[in-house]
Amino acid sequence: MEVKLLITYDPAHIKSSREKVENLFKEINVKPKFLKSKYDGIFLLNVSKPKEVVKKLRVISKKDKELFGRTHRYIPVDKWVKSKVPDMQKAIKSLVPKIKKEDKWMMGLEKRHYDKLDFKELIIKLTDVVNREKIDLNKPKKIIKVEIVGNDAGISLLEPDEMLVVS
């Protein structure tokens, strides 16, 4: 998948949400490519340097959240894999060397249109491959972000300022 940025929005307001996203991207001089999404409530975008884009959007959100309308989360995606546990574990394991032994970390997990495992079971299996001991759910230095959308999973290693939760 060439999706580099996942944006969630209120599915009842698709048109106005897309306009808000387009206006925000104009504001930061970025031309996103909207890709086809078969799921309501999720925009899939191809954009260069998605982590930098999100950092710029965070600055705007601190000044005026109204500009974001009914969009909610802006999440860069490093890589896409199938949403099978071994595939997700392999992708997560490949990110672990980028987390220093002394770094505090956490995993953020969202799943949509996925009912193979419940949340708790899934988080246990996915964190099992991370051999870093300093877990911190409040102030992590690194966040392993897993966004499951049906048969696919977007996996990222982010710092807290590289993702945006508007609401």
Protein backbone atom coordinates (compact mmCIF):
# COMPACT_ATOMS: atom_id res chain seq x y z
CA MET A 1 0.00 0.00 0.00
CA GLU A 2 1.24 3.49 -0.72
CA VAL A 3 -0.73 4.96 2.16
CA LYS A 4 1.59 7.08 4.31
CA LEU A 5 -1.01 8.89 6.43
CA LEU A 6 -4.25 7.66 7.93
CA ILE A 7 -6.83 10.25 9.01
CA THR A 8 -9.98 9.34 10.90
CA TYR A 9 -13.13 11.44 10.64
CA ASP A 10 -16.84 11.40 11.42
CA PRO A 11 -18.32 9.30 8.57
CA ALA A 12 -21.51 11.36 8.61
CA HIS A 13 -19.45 14.36 7.45
CA ILE A 14 -17.24 12.99 4.68
CA LYS A 15 -17.49 15.99 2.34
CA SER A 16 -16.80 18.70 4.93
CA SER A 17 -14.06 16.56 6.53
CA ARG A 18 -12.29 16.15 3.21
CA GLU A 19 -12.54 19.91 2.60
CA LYS A 20 -11.04 20.58 6.04
CA VAL A 21 -8.14 18.23 5.30
CA GLU A 22 -7.55 19.82 1.89
CA ASN A 23 -7.56 23.32 3.45
CA LEU A 24 -5.16 22.27 6.21
CA PHE A 25 -2.75 20.79 3.67
CA LYS A 26 -2.92 23.98 1.56
CA GLU A 27 -2.03 25.92 4.71
CA ILE A 28 1.22 23.93 5.10
CA ASN A 29 1.94 23.77 1.32
CA VAL A 30 1.56 20.00 1.00
CA LYS A 31 -0.26 18.26 -1.83
CA PRO A 32 -1.77 15.02 -0.51
CA LYS A 33 -3.05 12.28 -2.76
CA PHE A 34 -6.30 10.81 -1.43
CA LEU A 35 -6.39 7.07 -2.07
CA LYS A 36 -9.50 4.95 -2.27
CA SER A 37 -10.71 3.74 1.11
CA LYS A 38 -13.33 1.03 1.36
CA TYR A 39 -14.01 1.97 4.97
CA ASP A 40 -16.16 4.87 6.16
CA GLY A 41 -14.46 7.20 8.59
CA ILE A 42 -10.91 6.73 7.30
CA PHE A 43 -9.04 8.82 4.75
CA LEU A 44 -5.98 7.12 3.29
CA LEU A 45 -3.41 9.56 1.95
CA ASN A 46 -0.12 9.36 0.15
CA VAL A 47 2.04 12.28 1.20
CA SER A 48 5.78 12.75 1.43
CA LYS A 49 7.29 13.08 4.91
CA PRO A 50 4.09 12.25 6.83
CA LYS A 51 5.73 12.71 10.25
CA GLU A 52 6.81 16.24 9.33
CA VAL A 53 3.31 16.95 8.00
CA VAL A 54 1.77 15.87 11.30
CA LYS A 55 4.20 18.04 13.28
CA LYS A 56 3.09 21.07 11.24
CA LEU A 57 -0.58 20.16 11.74
CA ARG A 58 0.00 19.90 15.51
CA VAL A 59 1.18 23.51 15.54
CA ILE A 60 -2.04 24.58 13.76
CA SER A 61 -4.19 22.49 16.13
CA LYS A 62 -2.72 24.26 19.17
CA LYS A 63 -3.85 27.59 17.71
CA ASP A 64 -7.26 26.62 16.29
CA LYS A 65 -8.87 23.17 16.60
CA GLU A 66 -11.92 24.42 14.67
CA LEU A 67 -9.89 24.23 11.43
CA PHE A 68 -9.91 20.43 11.78
CA GLY A 69 -13.72 20.14 11.70
CA ARG A 70 -14.83 16.59 12.34
CA THR A 71 -11.47 14.96 11.66
CA HIS A 72 -10.00 13.18 14.67
CA ARG A 73 -6.65 11.44 14.34
CA TYR A 74 -3.70 11.91 11.99
CA ILE A 75 -1.39 8.90 12.03
CA PRO A 76 1.72 8.41 9.86
CA VAL A 77 2.29 4.83 8.68
CA ASP A 78 5.80 3.43 8.23
CA LYS A 79 4.80 0.12 6.68
CA TRP A 80 1.77 -1.98 5.80
CA VAL A 81 1.48 -5.72 6.40
CA LYS A 82 -1.34 -8.23 6.43
CA SER A 83 -3.29 -8.18 9.71
CA LYS A 84 -2.19 -11.71 10.57
CA VAL A 85 -0.47 -11.86 13.96
CA PRO A 86 2.85 -13.32 12.67
CA ASP A 87 3.07 -10.61 9.97
CA MET A 88 2.37 -7.83 12.47
CA GLN A 89 4.83 -9.32 14.99
CA LYS A 90 7.57 -9.46 12.34
CA ALA A 91 6.98 -5.80 11.38
CA ILE A 92 6.98 -4.71 15.03
CA LYS A 93 10.12 -6.71 15.79
CA SER A 94 11.90 -4.92 12.94
CA LEU A 95 11.23 -1.58 14.70
CA VAL A 96 12.54 -2.62 18.12
CA PRO A 97 16.24 -1.81 17.40
CA LYS A 98 15.17 1.84 16.96
CA ILE A 99 14.00 1.88 20.60
CA LYS A 100 16.95 2.35 22.94
CA LYS A 101 17.13 0.12 26.02
CA GLU A 102 16.60 3.15 28.27
CA ASP A 103 13.66 4.55 26.23
CA LYS A 104 10.19 4.44 27.73
CA TRP A 105 7.73 3.08 25.18
CA MET A 106 4.14 2.05 24.67
CA MET A 107 1.98 0.43 22.03
CA GLY A 108 -1.08 2.14 20.62
CA LEU A 109 -3.53 -0.21 18.94
CA GLU A 110 -6.68 0.52 16.96
CA LYS A 111 -8.64 -2.12 15.10
CA ARG A 112 -11.47 -1.69 12.64
CA HIS A 113 -13.29 -4.40 10.70
CA TYR A 114 -11.12 -7.00 12.46
CA ASP A 115 -12.55 -9.63 14.78
CA LYS A 116 -9.94 -12.40 14.77
CA LEU A 117 -8.75 -11.61 18.32
CA ASP A 118 -10.05 -9.40 21.09
CA PHE A 119 -8.10 -6.28 22.02
CA LYS A 120 -6.38 -7.68 25.13
CA GLU A 121 -5.28 -10.90 23.44
CA LEU A 122 -3.98 -8.97 20.45
CA ILE A 123 -1.98 -6.45 22.50
CA ILE A 124 -0.34 -9.28 24.47
CA LYS A 125 0.71 -11.08 21.29
CA LEU A 126 2.01 -7.91 19.63
CA THR A 127 3.96 -6.58 22.63
CA ASP A 128 5.42 -10.04 23.22
CA VAL A 129 8.06 -9.44 20.51
CA VAL A 130 9.27 -6.16 22.05
CA ASN A 131 12.23 -6.86 24.35
CA ARG A 132 12.27 -3.40 25.95
CA GLU A 133 11.40 -3.23 29.64
CA LYS A 134 10.52 0.43 30.24
CA ILE A 135 6.83 0.64 29.41
CA ASP A 136 5.19 4.01 30.07
CA LEU A 137 1.57 4.60 29.04
CA ASN A 138 1.61 8.28 30.06
CA LYS A 139 4.88 9.79 28.80
CA PRO A 140 6.56 7.37 26.40
CA LYS A 141 9.50 8.45 24.25
CA LYS A 142 8.54 5.97 21.52
CA ILE A 143 5.13 4.70 20.45
CA ILE A 144 4.65 1.56 18.41
CA LYS A 145 1.41 2.39 16.59
CA VAL A 146 -0.66 -0.41 15.09
CA GLU A 147 -3.66 0.55 12.97
CA ILE A 148 -5.56 -2.52 11.82
CA VAL A 149 -8.03 -1.91 9.01
CA GLY A 150 -9.63 -5.15 7.90
CA ASN A 151 -7.00 -7.43 6.33
CA ASP A 152 -4.23 -4.84 6.53
CA ALA A 153 -2.26 -3.29 9.37
CA GLY A 154 -0.32 -0.04 9.33
CA ILE A 155 2.68 -0.20 11.64
CA SER A 156 4.71 2.82 12.78
CA LEU A 157 7.33 3.82 15.29
CA LEU A 158 6.49 7.35 16.39
CA GLU A 159 7.53 9.94 18.89
CA PRO A 160 4.61 11.59 20.71
CA ASP A 161 4.73 14.73 18.52
CA GLU A 162 4.55 12.67 15.30
CA MET A 163 0.86 11.83 15.65
CA LEU A 164 -2.10 14.09 16.25
CA VAL A 165 -5.31 13.49 18.15
CA VAL A 166 -7.50 16.52 17.58
CA SER A 167 -10.43 15.79 19.90
